[in-house]
């Protein structure tokens, strides 16, 4: 009888000790958003909010096919989620002025004419 009580006490003690190391948490996604510019970048400068201007022709870009045999260029930039003002100038003239809301983990595409 004494052996049974000791065995049960030992099992309960091990169960209590093993549950102390259990941790829980919440897994969250990357909270970054992205904007992708696509189109003709020659002489194009982009202003996002009050940040420094971005010369589109001088950034990392990738050529991709549009499925119709022609190639387009696209450039991705990382932004924080939320509302952003985007102004695109070509040869000193404003060609796009847009206020966009970008949710987290979303890529918003803006065509450069």
PDB file of N, CA and C in Angstrom:
ATOM      1  N   UNK A   1       0.819  -1.185   0.000  1.00  0.00           N
ATOM      2  CA  UNK A   1       0.000   0.000   0.000  1.00  0.00           C
ATOM      3  C   UNK A   1       0.870   1.258   0.000  1.00  0.00           C
ATOM      4  N   UNK A   2       1.914   1.228   0.833  1.00  0.00           N
ATOM      5  CA  UNK A   2       2.845   2.351   0.906  1.00  0.00           C
ATOM      6  C   UNK A   2       3.533   2.572  -0.439  1.00  0.00           C
ATOM      7  N   UNK A   3       3.837   1.494  -1.163  1.00  0.00           N
ATOM      8  CA  UNK A   3       4.480   1.570  -2.466  1.00  0.00           C
ATOM      9  C   UNK A   3       3.535   2.202  -3.497  1.00  0.00           C
ATOM     10  N   UNK A   4       2.252   1.878  -3.422  1.00  0.00           N
ATOM     11  CA  UNK A   4       1.268   2.445  -4.349  1.00  0.00           C
ATOM     12  C   UNK A   4       1.143   3.948  -4.116  1.00  0.00           C
ATOM     13  N   UNK A   5       1.109   4.387  -2.878  1.00  0.00           N
ATOM     14  CA  UNK A   5       0.999   5.810  -2.553  1.00  0.00           C
ATOM     15  C   UNK A   5       2.238   6.548  -3.038  1.00  0.00           C
ATOM     16  N   UNK A   6       3.414   5.978  -2.843  1.00  0.00           N
ATOM     17  CA  UNK A   6       4.646   6.594  -3.321  1.00  0.00           C
ATOM     18  C   UNK A   6       4.660   6.679  -4.849  1.00  0.00           C
ATOM     19  N   UNK A   7       4.209   5.635  -5.539  1.00  0.00           N
ATOM     20  CA  UNK A   7       4.182   5.624  -7.006  1.00  0.00           C
ATOM     21  C   UNK A   7       3.224   6.689  -7.543  1.00  0.00           C
ATOM     22  N   UNK A   8       2.033   6.776  -6.937  1.00  0.00           N
ATOM     23  CA  UNK A   8       1.055   7.775  -7.378  1.00  0.00           C
ATOM     24  C   UNK A   8       1.577   9.176  -7.094  1.00  0.00           C
ATOM     25  N   UNK A   9       2.204   9.379  -5.946  1.00  0.00           N
ATOM     26  CA  UNK A   9       2.782  10.690  -5.623  1.00  0.00           C
ATOM     27  C   UNK A   9       3.880  11.064  -6.605  1.00  0.00           C
ATOM     28  N   UNK A  10       4.698  10.099  -6.983  1.00  0.00           N
ATOM     29  CA  UNK A  10       5.777  10.353  -7.943  1.00  0.00           C
ATOM     30  C   UNK A  10       5.205  10.725  -9.312  1.00  0.00           C
ATOM     31  N   UNK A  11       4.149  10.030  -9.754  1.00  0.00           N
ATOM     32  CA  UNK A  11       3.523  10.331 -11.052  1.00  0.00           C
ATOM     33  C   UNK A  11       2.914  11.728 -11.034  1.00  0.00           C
ATOM     34  N   UNK A  12       2.229  12.077  -9.957  1.00  0.00           N
ATOM     35  CA  UNK A  12       1.633  13.416  -9.843  1.00  0.00           C
ATOM     36  C   UNK A  12       2.720  14.479  -9.824  1.00  0.00           C
ATOM     37  N   UNK A  13       3.808  14.236  -9.091  1.00  0.00           N
ATOM     38  CA  UNK A  13       4.915  15.191  -9.033  1.00  0.00           C
ATOM     39  C   UNK A  13       5.531  15.395 -10.417  1.00  0.00           C
ATOM     40  N   UNK A  14       5.744  14.310 -11.187  1.00  0.00           N
ATOM     41  CA  UNK A  14       6.312  14.433 -12.534  1.00  0.00           C
ATOM     42  C   UNK A  14       5.350  15.166 -13.476  1.00  0.00           C
ATOM     43  N   UNK A  15       4.061  14.930 -13.324  1.00  0.00           N
ATOM     44  CA  UNK A  15       3.084  15.628 -14.173  1.00  0.00           C
ATOM     45  C   UNK A  15       3.088  17.127 -13.884  1.00  0.00           C
ATOM     46  N   UNK A  16       3.196  17.493 -12.628  1.00  0.00           N
ATOM     47  CA  UNK A  16       3.232  18.907 -12.253  1.00  0.00           C
ATOM     48  C   UNK A  16       4.519  19.557 -12.768  1.00  0.00           C
ATOM     49  N   UNK A  17       5.642  18.880 -12.606  1.00  0.00           N
ATOM     50  CA  UNK A  17       6.919  19.449 -13.060  1.00  0.00           C
ATOM     51  C   UNK A  17       6.988  19.570 -14.578  1.00  0.00           C
ATOM     52  N   UNK A  18       6.431  18.626 -15.303  1.00  0.00           N
ATOM     53  CA  UNK A  18       6.511  18.698 -16.762  1.00  0.00           C
ATOM     54  C   UNK A  18       5.599  19.780 -17.330  1.00  0.00           C
ATOM     55  N   UNK A  19       4.532  20.113 -16.648  1.00  0.00           N
ATOM     56  CA  UNK A  19       3.637  21.157 -17.152  1.00  0.00           C
ATOM     57  C   UNK A  19       4.184  22.555 -16.889  1.00  0.00           C
ATOM     58  N   UNK A  20       5.165  22.685 -16.008  1.00  0.00           N
ATOM     59  CA  UNK A  20       5.741  23.999 -15.718  1.00  0.00           C
ATOM     60  C   UNK A  20       6.545  24.538 -16.892  1.00  0.00           C
ATOM     61  N   UNK A  21       7.071  23.681 -17.738  1.00  0.00           N
ATOM     62  CA  UNK A  21       7.895  24.112 -18.857  1.00  0.00           C
ATOM     63  C   UNK A  21       7.092  24.446 -20.106  1.00  0.00           C
ATOM     64  N   UNK A  22       5.796  24.294 -20.059  1.00  0.00           N
ATOM     65  CA  UNK A  22       4.959  24.560 -21.235  1.00  0.00           C
ATOM     66  C   UNK A  22       4.782  26.058 -21.436  1.00  0.00           C
ATOM     67  N   UNK A  23       5.045  26.491 -22.649  1.00  0.00           N
ATOM     68  CA  UNK A  23       4.836  27.899 -22.984  1.00  0.00           C
ATOM     69  C   UNK A  23       3.856  27.993 -24.130  1.00  0.00           C
ATOM     70  N   UNK A  24       3.170  29.099 -24.210  1.00  0.00           N
ATOM     71  CA  UNK A  24       2.253  29.327 -25.319  1.00  0.00           C
ATOM     72  C   UNK A  24       2.489  30.726 -25.844  1.00  0.00           C
ATOM     73  N   UNK A  25       2.059  30.963 -27.055  1.00  0.00           N
ATOM     74  CA  UNK A  25       2.251  32.274 -27.645  1.00  0.00           C
ATOM     75  C   UNK A  25       1.391  32.426 -28.876  1.00  0.00           C
ATOM     76  N   UNK A  26       1.513  33.569 -29.481  1.00  0.00           N
ATOM     77  CA  UNK A  26       0.754  33.872 -30.678  1.00  0.00           C
ATOM     78  C   UNK A  26       1.729  34.062 -31.827  1.00  0.00           C
ATOM     79  N   UNK A  27       1.456  33.417 -32.926  1.00  0.00           N
ATOM     80  CA  UNK A  27       2.279  33.560 -34.113  1.00  0.00           C
ATOM     81  C   UNK A  27       1.649  34.648 -34.974  1.00  0.00           C
ATOM     82  N   UNK A  28       2.447  35.658 -35.329  1.00  0.00           N
ATOM     83  CA  UNK A  28       1.930  36.738 -36.169  1.00  0.00           C
ATOM     84  C   UNK A  28       2.689  36.775 -37.479  1.00  0.00           C
ATOM     85  N   UNK A  29       2.033  37.274 -38.489  1.00  0.00           N
ATOM     86  CA  UNK A  29       2.662  37.434 -39.794  1.00  0.00           C
ATOM     87  C   UNK A  29       3.538  38.665 -39.810  1.00  0.00           C
ATOM     88  N   UNK A  30       4.371  38.756 -40.847  1.00  0.00           N
ATOM     89  CA  UNK A  30       5.187  39.939 -41.066  1.00  0.00           C
ATOM     90  C   UNK A  30       4.260  41.131 -41.225  1.00  0.00           C
ATOM     91  N   UNK A  31       4.537  42.218 -40.510  1.00  0.00           N
ATOM     92  CA  UNK A  31       3.635  43.367 -40.552  1.00  0.00           C
ATOM     93  C   UNK A  31       4.049  44.380 -41.612  1.00  0.00           C
ATOM     94  N   UNK A  32       4.744  43.946 -42.621  1.00  0.00           N
ATOM     95  CA  UNK A  32       5.154  44.852 -43.689  1.00  0.00           C
ATOM     96  C   UNK A  32       4.213  44.728 -44.876  1.00  0.00           C
ATOM     97  N   UNK A  33       4.075  45.820 -45.588  1.00  0.00           N
ATOM     98  CA  UNK A  33       3.315  45.869 -46.827  1.00  0.00           C
ATOM     99  C   UNK A  33       4.282  46.217 -47.946  1.00  0.00           C
ATOM    100  N   UNK A  34       3.817  46.061 -49.170  1.00  0.00           N
ATOM    101  CA  UNK A  34       4.700  46.312 -50.295  1.00  0.00           C
ATOM    102  C   UNK A  34       3.947  47.082 -51.372  1.00  0.00           C
ATOM    103  N   UNK A  35       4.659  47.921 -52.074  1.00  0.00           N
ATOM    104  CA  UNK A  35       4.120  48.601 -53.244  1.00  0.00           C
ATOM    105  C   UNK A  35       4.997  48.212 -54.419  1.00  0.00           C
ATOM    106  N   UNK A  36       4.348  47.892 -55.532  1.00  0.00           N
ATOM    107  CA  UNK A  36       5.072  47.478 -56.734  1.00  0.00           C
ATOM    108  C   UNK A  36       4.738  48.468 -57.839  1.00  0.00           C
ATOM    109  N   UNK A  37       5.767  49.006 -58.436  1.00  0.00           N
ATOM    110  CA  UNK A  37       5.607  49.913 -59.568  1.00  0.00           C
ATOM    111  C   UNK A  37       5.870  49.119 -60.835  1.00  0.00           C
ATOM    112  N   UNK A  38       5.007  49.271 -61.825  1.00  0.00           N
ATOM    113  CA  UNK A  38       5.172  48.556 -63.087  1.00  0.00           C
ATOM    114  C   UNK A  38       4.934  49.518 -64.233  1.00  0.00           C
ATOM    115  N   UNK A  39       5.710  49.368 -65.272  1.00  0.00           N
ATOM    116  CA  UNK A  39       5.515  50.206 -66.455  1.00  0.00           C
ATOM    117  C   UNK A  39       6.811  50.773 -66.989  1.00  0.00           C
ATOM    118  N   UNK A  40       6.714  51.973 -67.554  1.00  0.00           N
ATOM    119  CA  UNK A  40       7.850  52.657 -68.174  1.00  0.00           C
ATOM    120  C   UNK A  40       8.499  53.577 -67.146  1.00  0.00           C
ATOM    121  N   UNK A  41       9.746  53.294 -66.773  1.00  0.00           N
ATOM    122  CA  UNK A  41      10.418  54.031 -65.699  1.00  0.00           C
ATOM    123  C   UNK A  41      11.350  55.129 -66.186  1.00  0.00           C
ATOM    124  N   UNK A  42      11.471  55.321 -67.471  1.00  0.00           N
ATOM    125  CA  UNK A  42      12.426  56.301 -67.989  1.00  0.00           C
ATOM    126  C   UNK A  42      12.065  57.701 -67.496  1.00  0.00           C
ATOM    127  N   UNK A  43      13.000  58.353 -66.785  1.00  0.00           N
ATOM    128  CA  UNK A  43      12.802  59.705 -66.273  1.00  0.00           C
ATOM    129  C   UNK A  43      11.786  59.800 -65.160  1.00  0.00           C
ATOM    130  N   UNK A  44      11.554  58.686 -64.426  1.00  0.00           N
ATOM    131  CA  UNK A  44      10.503  58.643 -63.412  1.00  0.00           C
ATOM    132  C   UNK A  44      11.083  58.736 -62.004  1.00  0.00           C
ATOM    133  N   UNK A  45      10.463  59.603 -61.199  1.00  0.00           N
ATOM    134  CA  UNK A  45      10.825  59.763 -59.783  1.00  0.00           C
ATOM    135  C   UNK A  45       9.557  59.574 -58.964  1.00  0.00           C
ATOM    136  N   UNK A  46       9.662  58.799 -57.870  1.00  0.00           N
ATOM    137  CA  UNK A  46       8.509  58.536 -57.004  1.00  0.00           C
ATOM    138  C   UNK A  46       8.754  59.164 -55.639  1.00  0.00           C
ATOM    139  N   UNK A  47       7.706  59.783 -55.108  1.00  0.00           N
ATOM    140  CA  UNK A  47       7.723  60.347 -53.756  1.00  0.00           C
ATOM    141  C   UNK A  47       6.671  59.602 -52.951  1.00  0.00           C
ATOM    142  N   UNK A  48       7.096  58.974 -51.861  1.00  0.00           N
ATOM    143  CA  UNK A  48       6.169  58.272 -50.970  1.00  0.00           C
ATOM    144  C   UNK A  48       6.155  59.026 -49.651  1.00  0.00           C
ATOM    145  N   UNK A  49       4.986  59.578 -49.313  1.00  0.00           N
ATOM    146  CA  UNK A  49       4.807  60.412 -48.127  1.00  0.00           C
ATOM    147  C   UNK A  49       5.833  61.551 -48.172  1.00  0.00           C
ATOM    148  N   UNK A  50       6.534  61.790 -47.084  1.00  0.00           N
ATOM    149  CA  UNK A  50       7.532  62.861 -47.042  1.00  0.00           C
ATOM    150  C   UNK A  50       8.954  62.313 -47.114  1.00  0.00           C
ATOM    151  N   UNK A  51       9.102  61.099 -47.641  1.00  0.00           N
ATOM    152  CA  UNK A  51      10.425  60.472 -47.724  1.00  0.00           C
ATOM    153  C   UNK A  51      11.209  61.013 -48.913  1.00  0.00           C
ATOM    154  N   UNK A  52      12.467  60.670 -48.960  1.00  0.00           N
ATOM    155  CA  UNK A  52      13.338  61.097 -50.057  1.00  0.00           C
ATOM    156  C   UNK A  52      12.829  60.525 -51.377  1.00  0.00           C
ATOM    157  N   UNK A  53      13.043  61.242 -52.475  1.00  0.00           N
ATOM    158  CA  UNK A  53      12.586  60.754 -53.775  1.00  0.00           C
ATOM    159  C   UNK A  53      13.307  59.472 -54.180  1.00  0.00           C
ATOM    160  N   UNK A  54      12.609  58.657 -54.952  1.00  0.00           N
ATOM    161  CA  UNK A  54      13.148  57.381 -55.429  1.00  0.00           C
ATOM    162  C   UNK A  54      13.208  57.430 -56.948  1.00  0.00           C
ATOM    163  N   UNK A  55      14.403  57.233 -57.488  1.00  0.00           N
ATOM    164  CA  UNK A  55      14.563  57.140 -58.943  1.00  0.00           C
ATOM    165  C   UNK A  55      14.255  55.695 -59.334  1.00  0.00           C
ATOM    166  N   UNK A  56      13.163  55.468 -60.033  1.00  0.00           N
ATOM    167  CA  UNK A  56      12.749  54.095 -60.335  1.00  0.00           C
ATOM    168  C   UNK A  56      13.733  53.356 -61.231  1.00  0.00           C
ATOM    169  N   UNK A  57      14.353  54.011 -62.148  1.00  0.00           N
ATOM    170  CA  UNK A  57      15.273  53.340 -63.056  1.00  0.00           C
ATOM    171  C   UNK A  57      16.555  52.882 -62.396  1.00  0.00           C
ATOM    172  N   UNK A  58      16.822  53.312 -61.148  1.00  0.00           N
ATOM    173  CA  UNK A  58      18.087  52.995 -60.481  1.00  0.00           C
ATOM    174  C   UNK A  58      17.920  52.002 -59.342  1.00  0.00           C
ATOM    175  N   UNK A  59      16.733  51.405 -59.171  1.00  0.00           N
ATOM    176  CA  UNK A  59      16.478  50.481 -58.067  1.00  0.00           C
ATOM    177  C   UNK A  59      16.514  49.054 -58.560  1.00  0.00           C
ATOM    178  N   UNK A  60      16.428  48.134 -57.588  1.00  0.00           N
ATOM    179  CA  UNK A  60      16.390  46.726 -57.974  1.00  0.00           C
ATOM    180  C   UNK A  60      15.074  46.465 -58.689  1.00  0.00           C
ATOM    181  N   UNK A  61      15.151  45.885 -59.842  1.00  0.00           N
ATOM    182  CA  UNK A  61      13.942  45.622 -60.610  1.00  0.00           C
ATOM    183  C   UNK A  61      14.051  44.261 -61.260  1.00  0.00           C
ATOM    184  N   UNK A  62      12.940  43.798 -61.742  1.00  0.00           N
ATOM    185  CA  UNK A  62      12.920  42.506 -62.420  1.00  0.00           C
ATOM    186  C   UNK A  62      12.064  42.624 -63.668  1.00  0.00           C
ATOM    187  N   UNK A  63      12.537  42.004 -64.726  1.00  0.00           N
ATOM    188  CA  UNK A  63      11.734  41.950 -65.939  1.00  0.00           C
ATOM    189  C   UNK A  63      10.835  40.733 -65.838  1.00  0.00           C
ATOM    190  N   UNK A  64       9.607  40.880 -66.263  1.00  0.00           N
ATOM    191  CA  UNK A  64       8.718  39.730 -66.320  1.00  0.00           C
ATOM    192  C   UNK A  64       7.830  39.856 -67.541  1.00  0.00           C
ATOM    193  N   UNK A  65       7.401  38.717 -68.038  1.00  0.00           N
ATOM    194  CA  UNK A  65       6.567  38.708 -69.230  1.00  0.00           C
ATOM    195  C   UNK A  65       5.132  38.994 -68.839  1.00  0.00           C
ATOM    196  N   UNK A  66       4.418  39.711 -69.684  1.00  0.00           N
ATOM    197  CA  UNK A  66       3.016  39.992 -69.402  1.00  0.00           C
ATOM    198  C   UNK A  66       2.099  38.954 -70.037  1.00  0.00           C
ATOM    199  N   UNK A  67       2.656  37.891 -70.596  1.00  0.00           N
ATOM    200  CA  UNK A  67       1.869  36.846 -71.211  1.00  0.00           C
ATOM    201  C   UNK A  67       1.541  37.124 -72.666  1.00  0.00           C
ATOM    202  N   UNK A  68       1.850  38.307 -73.150  1.00  0.00           N
ATOM    203  CA  UNK A  68       1.555  38.675 -74.529  1.00  0.00           C
ATOM    204  C   UNK A  68       2.825  38.813 -75.357  1.00  0.00           C
ATOM    205  N   UNK A  69       3.935  38.366 -74.825  1.00  0.00           N
ATOM    206  CA  UNK A  69       5.182  38.399 -75.565  1.00  0.00           C
ATOM    207  C   UNK A  69       6.047  39.612 -75.276  1.00  0.00           C
ATOM    208  N   UNK A  70       5.525  40.620 -74.591  1.00  0.00           N
ATOM    209  CA  UNK A  70       6.347  41.786 -74.276  1.00  0.00           C
ATOM    210  C   UNK A  70       6.812  41.708 -72.831  1.00  0.00           C
ATOM    211  N   UNK A  71       7.884  42.412 -72.548  1.00  0.00           N
ATOM    212  CA  UNK A  71       8.424  42.410 -71.185  1.00  0.00           C
ATOM    213  C   UNK A  71       8.102  43.722 -70.515  1.00  0.00           C
ATOM    214  N   UNK A  72       7.762  43.635 -69.226  1.00  0.00           N
ATOM    215  CA  UNK A  72       7.513  44.814 -68.414  1.00  0.00           C
ATOM    216  C   UNK A  72       8.523  44.818 -67.281  1.00  0.00           C
ATOM    217  N   UNK A  73       8.745  45.977 -66.729  1.00  0.00           N
ATOM    218  CA  UNK A  73       9.637  46.074 -65.572  1.00  0.00           C
ATOM    219  C   UNK A  73       8.779  46.320 -64.342  1.00  0.00           C
ATOM    220  N   UNK A  74       9.206  45.760 -63.217  1.00  0.00           N
ATOM    221  CA  UNK A  74       8.511  46.027 -61.965  1.00  0.00           C
ATOM    222  C   UNK A  74       9.529  46.198 -60.854  1.00  0.00           C
ATOM    223  N   UNK A  75       9.204  47.067 -59.918  1.00  0.00           N
ATOM    224  CA  UNK A  75      10.072  47.357 -58.781  1.00  0.00           C
ATOM    225  C   UNK A  75       9.228  47.291 -57.520  1.00  0.00           C
ATOM    226  N   UNK A  76       9.736  46.593 -56.492  1.00  0.00           N
ATOM    227  CA  UNK A  76       9.033  46.438 -55.220  1.00  0.00           C
ATOM    228  C   UNK A  76       9.693  47.286 -54.144  1.00  0.00           C
ATOM    229  N   UNK A  77       8.869  47.902 -53.285  1.00  0.00           N
ATOM    230  CA  UNK A  77       9.361  48.632 -52.120  1.00  0.00           C
ATOM    231  C   UNK A  77       8.565  48.215 -50.901  1.00  0.00           C
ATOM    232  N   UNK A  78       9.234  48.126 -49.782  1.00  0.00           N
ATOM    233  CA  UNK A  78       8.603  47.741 -48.529  1.00  0.00           C
ATOM    234  C   UNK A  78       8.107  48.989 -47.810  1.00  0.00           C
ATOM    235  N   UNK A  79       6.858  48.927 -47.323  1.00  0.00           N
ATOM    236  CA  UNK A  79       6.252  50.039 -46.583  1.00  0.00           C
ATOM    237  C   UNK A  79       5.593  49.501 -45.331  1.00  0.00           C
ATOM    238  N   UNK A  80       5.358  50.379 -44.394  1.00  0.00           N
ATOM    239  CA  UNK A  80       4.565  49.986 -43.230  1.00  0.00           C
ATOM    240  C   UNK A  80       3.095  49.987 -43.643  1.00  0.00           C
ATOM    241  N   UNK A  81       2.279  49.134 -43.049  1.00  0.00           N
ATOM    242  CA  UNK A  81       0.862  49.135 -43.385  1.00  0.00           C
ATOM    243  C   UNK A  81       0.230  50.477 -43.026  1.00  0.00           C
ATOM    244  N   UNK A  82      -0.765  50.879 -43.794  1.00  0.00           N
ATOM    245  CA  UNK A  82      -1.471  52.124 -43.499  1.00  0.00           C
ATOM    246  C   UNK A  82      -1.662  52.974 -44.737  1.00  0.00           C
ATOM    247  N   UNK A  83      -1.972  54.248 -44.505  1.00  0.00           N
ATOM    248  CA  UNK A  83      -2.260  55.205 -45.580  1.00  0.00           C
ATOM    249  C   UNK A  83      -0.974  55.877 -46.035  1.00  0.00           C
ATOM    250  N   UNK A  84      -0.790  55.930 -47.343  1.00  0.00           N
ATOM    251  CA  UNK A  84       0.404  56.540 -47.925  1.00  0.00           C
ATOM    252  C   UNK A  84       0.010  57.412 -49.111  1.00  0.00           C
ATOM    253  N   UNK A  85       0.723  58.518 -49.272  1.00  0.00           N
ATOM    254  CA  UNK A  85       0.541  59.382 -50.434  1.00  0.00           C
ATOM    255  C   UNK A  85       1.677  59.107 -51.403  1.00  0.00           C
ATOM    256  N   UNK A  86       1.315  58.762 -52.644  1.00  0.00           N
ATOM    257  CA  UNK A  86       2.307  58.427 -53.659  1.00  0.00           C
ATOM    258  C   UNK A  86       2.178  59.419 -54.808  1.00  0.00           C
ATOM    259  N   UNK A  87       3.293  60.079 -55.132  1.00  0.00           N
ATOM    260  CA  UNK A  87       3.346  61.017 -56.248  1.00  0.00           C
ATOM    261  C   UNK A  87       4.421  60.519 -57.200  1.00  0.00           C
ATOM    262  N   UNK A  88       4.055  60.371 -58.472  1.00  0.00           N
ATOM    263  CA  UNK A  88       5.006  59.935 -59.494  1.00  0.00           C
ATOM    264  C   UNK A  88       5.188  61.080 -60.474  1.00  0.00           C
ATOM    265  N   UNK A  89       6.454  61.459 -60.673  1.00  0.00           N
ATOM    266  CA  UNK A  89       6.782  62.520 -61.629  1.00  0.00           C
ATOM    267  C   UNK A  89       7.638  61.929 -62.737  1.00  0.00           C
ATOM    268  N   UNK A  90       7.327  62.356 -63.957  1.00  0.00           N
ATOM    269  CA  UNK A  90       8.117  61.937 -65.108  1.00  0.00           C
ATOM    270  C   UNK A  90       8.574  63.200 -65.816  1.00  0.00           C
ATOM    271  N   UNK A  91       9.886  63.325 -65.946  1.00  0.00           N
ATOM    272  CA  UNK A  91      10.487  64.507 -66.568  1.00  0.00           C
ATOM    273  C   UNK A  91      10.007  65.790 -65.893  1.00  0.00           C
ATOM    274  N   UNK A  92       9.874  65.749 -64.549  1.00  0.00           N
ATOM    275  CA  UNK A  92       9.494  66.926 -63.770  1.00  0.00           C
ATOM    276  C   UNK A  92       8.007  67.216 -63.720  1.00  0.00           C
ATOM    277  N   UNK A  93       7.184  66.433 -64.396  1.00  0.00           N
ATOM    278  CA  UNK A  93       5.742  66.651 -64.442  1.00  0.00           C
ATOM    279  C   UNK A  93       5.023  65.576 -63.631  1.00  0.00           C
ATOM    280  N   UNK A  94       4.046  65.960 -62.807  1.00  0.00           N
ATOM    281  CA  UNK A  94       3.286  64.990 -62.022  1.00  0.00           C
ATOM    282  C   UNK A  94       2.372  64.201 -62.959  1.00  0.00           C
ATOM    283  N   UNK A  95       2.550  62.865 -62.973  1.00  0.00           N
ATOM    284  CA  UNK A  95       1.696  62.030 -63.821  1.00  0.00           C
ATOM    285  C   UNK A  95       0.748  61.153 -63.002  1.00  0.00           C
ATOM    286  N   UNK A  96       1.101  60.892 -61.737  1.00  0.00           N
ATOM    287  CA  UNK A  96       0.228  60.131 -60.837  1.00  0.00           C
ATOM    288  C   UNK A  96       0.331  60.755 -59.459  1.00  0.00           C
ATOM    289  N   UNK A  97      -0.823  61.023 -58.851  1.00  0.00           N
ATOM    290  CA  UNK A  97      -0.863  61.470 -57.454  1.00  0.00           C
ATOM    291  C   UNK A  97      -2.013  60.715 -56.816  1.00  0.00           C
ATOM    292  N   UNK A  98      -1.665  59.843 -55.872  1.00  0.00           N
ATOM    293  CA  UNK A  98      -2.655  58.927 -55.333  1.00  0.00           C
ATOM    294  C   UNK A  98      -2.432  58.711 -53.845  1.00  0.00           C
ATOM    295  N   UNK A  99      -3.540  58.641 -53.106  1.00  0.00           N
ATOM    296  CA  UNK A  99      -3.473  58.256 -51.703  1.00  0.00           C
ATOM    297  C   UNK A  99      -4.003  56.835 -51.616  1.00  0.00           C
ATOM    298  N   UNK A 100      -3.174  55.934 -51.060  1.00  0.00           N
ATOM    299  CA  UNK A 100      -3.546  54.521 -51.000  1.00  0.00           C
ATOM    300  C   UNK A 100      -3.496  54.029 -49.560  1.00  0.00           C
ATOM    301  N   UNK A 101      -4.339  53.062 -49.276  1.00  0.00           N
ATOM    302  CA  UNK A 101      -4.289  52.373 -47.990  1.00  0.00           C
ATOM    303  C   UNK A 101      -3.833  50.955 -48.271  1.00  0.00           C
ATOM    304  N   UNK A 102      -2.744  50.557 -47.626  1.00  0.00           N
ATOM    305  CA  UNK A 102      -2.181  49.234 -47.859  1.00  0.00           C
ATOM    306  C   UNK A 102      -2.250  48.454 -46.558  1.00  0.00           C
ATOM    307  N   UNK A 103      -2.958  47.338 -46.592  1.00  0.00           N
ATOM    308  CA  UNK A 103      -3.092  46.475 -45.421  1.00  0.00           C
ATOM    309  C   UNK A 103      -1.802  45.674 -45.234  1.00  0.00           C
ATOM    310  N   UNK A 104      -1.614  45.106 -44.049  1.00  0.00           N
ATOM    311  CA  UNK A 104      -0.383  44.356 -43.793  1.00  0.00           C
ATOM    312  C   UNK A 104      -0.308  43.126 -44.688  1.00  0.00           C
ATOM    313  N   UNK A 105       0.884  42.809 -45.103  1.00  0.00           N
ATOM    314  CA  UNK A 105       1.240  41.675 -45.966  1.00  0.00           C
ATOM    315  C   UNK A 105       0.607  41.764 -47.362  1.00  0.00           C
ATOM    316  N   UNK A 106       0.174  42.941 -47.781  1.00  0.00           N
ATOM    317  CA  UNK A 106      -0.438  43.134 -49.093  1.00  0.00           C
ATOM    318  C   UNK A 106       0.552  43.854 -50.011  1.00  0.00           C
ATOM    319  N   UNK A 107       0.521  43.508 -51.299  1.00  0.00           N
ATOM    320  CA  UNK A 107       1.307  44.206 -52.307  1.00  0.00           C
ATOM    321  C   UNK A 107       0.349  44.990 -53.193  1.00  0.00           C
ATOM    322  N   UNK A 108       0.527  46.291 -53.242  1.00  0.00           N
ATOM    323  CA  UNK A 108      -0.298  47.169 -54.074  1.00  0.00           C
ATOM    324  C   UNK A 108       0.487  47.518 -55.329  1.00  0.00           C
ATOM    325  N   UNK A 109      -0.096  47.290 -56.506  1.00  0.00           N
ATOM    326  CA  UNK A 109       0.593  47.602 -57.748  1.00  0.00           C
ATOM    327  C   UNK A 109       0.130  48.948 -58.272  1.00  0.00           C
ATOM    328  N   UNK A 110       1.082  49.773 -58.680  1.00  0.00           N
ATOM    329  CA  UNK A 110       0.790  51.069 -59.272  1.00  0.00           C
ATOM    330  C   UNK A 110       1.439  51.099 -60.644  1.00  0.00           C
ATOM    331  N   UNK A 111       0.630  51.366 -61.657  1.00  0.00           N
ATOM    332  CA  UNK A 111       1.116  51.430 -63.032  1.00  0.00           C
ATOM    333  C   UNK A 111       1.741  52.793 -63.304  1.00  0.00           C
ATOM    334  N   UNK A 112       2.910  52.789 -63.901  1.00  0.00           N
ATOM    335  CA  UNK A 112       3.586  54.005 -64.310  1.00  0.00           C
ATOM    336  C   UNK A 112       3.368  54.152 -65.809  1.00  0.00           C
ATOM    337  N   UNK A 113       2.592  55.181 -66.217  1.00  0.00           N
ATOM    338  CA  UNK A 113       2.301  55.330 -67.649  1.00  0.00           C
ATOM    339  C   UNK A 113       3.518  55.758 -68.446  1.00  0.00           C
TER     340      UNK A 113
END
